[in-house]
Structure formats: structure tokens, C-alpha cells
Amino acid sequence: MKNHSATDKQIKYINDLCKNNGYEFYNQNINMKQAASIIGFLAKDKVQPHYLFDFLRYE
């Protein structure tokens, strides 16, 4: 499986979460898996459903 770069939407979401949590997102050269880990760490219980619907589907 190819490891794709993080999407612009992921980068923006991480930047927003960093601002809200007092972190600096200084190295934005990340892949999608790293982005998911960072979002999971920063968002904890605050992940917005509209963001997840780009990646998840309830069947």
C-alpha cells in the first residue's frame, strides 16, 4: 500500500486543533497515517463528524 501525503483538509484540521490546544505544527510534511495519529492525539473526544465522513462510512 502506498503511503500518501496528508490532504490539505487534514493539514488545516491539525492546524486548527494545534491552535486550540496550544501546540505548534512546525513540520507539515506528513503522510495520511501520521495525520490520523496526530488528529487522534489532539482531538481526543472532539473529532468533528463532518471531518470523519470524508474517511468513514457507517453501513
Protein backbone atom coordinates (compact mmCIF):
# COMPACT_ATOMS: atom_id res chain seq x y z
CA MET A 1 0.00 0.00 0.00
CA LYS A 2 1.32 3.38 -0.98
CA ASN A 3 1.70 5.93 1.80
CA HIS A 4 0.09 9.11 0.51
CA SER A 5 0.79 12.61 1.77
CA ALA A 6 -1.72 14.15 4.12
CA THR A 7 -4.55 16.04 2.45
CA ASP A 8 -4.94 19.82 2.69
CA LYS A 9 -8.08 19.25 4.76
CA GLN A 10 -6.15 17.11 7.27
CA ILE A 11 -3.38 19.73 7.50
CA LYS A 12 -5.94 22.51 8.09
CA TYR A 13 -7.73 20.46 10.74
CA ILE A 14 -4.44 19.72 12.53
CA ASN A 15 -3.52 23.42 12.41
CA ASP A 16 -6.90 24.33 13.92
CA LEU A 17 -6.53 21.70 16.66
CA CYS A 18 -3.00 22.89 17.43
CA LYS A 19 -4.18 26.48 17.85
CA ASN A 20 -6.95 25.33 20.19
CA ASN A 21 -4.61 23.15 22.27
CA GLY A 22 -1.52 25.37 22.41
CA TYR A 23 0.69 23.30 20.11
CA GLU A 24 2.79 24.42 17.15
CA PHE A 25 2.51 22.30 13.99
CA TYR A 26 6.01 23.04 12.70
CA ASN A 27 6.65 20.02 10.43
CA GLN A 28 3.77 19.72 7.98
CA ASN A 29 5.49 17.19 5.71
CA ILE A 30 3.47 14.19 6.96
CA ASN A 31 1.62 11.25 5.46
CA MET A 32 -2.02 10.28 5.99
CA LYS A 33 -1.24 7.73 8.70
CA GLN A 34 0.77 10.26 10.69
CA ALA A 35 -2.01 12.82 10.23
CA ALA A 36 -4.57 10.37 11.63
CA SER A 37 -2.37 9.73 14.67
CA ILE A 38 -1.85 13.44 15.29
CA ILE A 39 -5.58 14.16 14.93
CA GLY A 40 -6.39 11.31 17.29
CA PHE A 41 -3.99 12.71 19.87
CA LEU A 42 -5.12 16.33 19.59
CA ALA A 43 -8.84 15.81 19.14
CA LYS A 44 -9.40 13.06 21.72
CA ASP A 45 -13.20 13.25 22.06
CA LYS A 46 -13.60 16.38 19.97
CA VAL A 47 -13.36 14.93 16.44
CA GLN A 48 -15.98 16.60 14.30
CA PRO A 49 -18.21 14.15 12.39
CA HIS A 50 -18.19 16.26 9.21
CA TYR A 51 -14.43 15.67 9.02
CA LEU A 52 -14.66 11.93 9.58
CA PHE A 53 -17.30 11.46 6.89
CA ASP A 54 -14.57 12.07 4.32
CA PHE A 55 -12.95 8.85 5.52
CA LEU A 56 -15.58 6.74 7.29
CA ARG A 57 -18.92 5.32 6.25
CA TYR A 58 -21.49 3.71 8.53
CA GLU A 59 -23.05 0.61 6.97
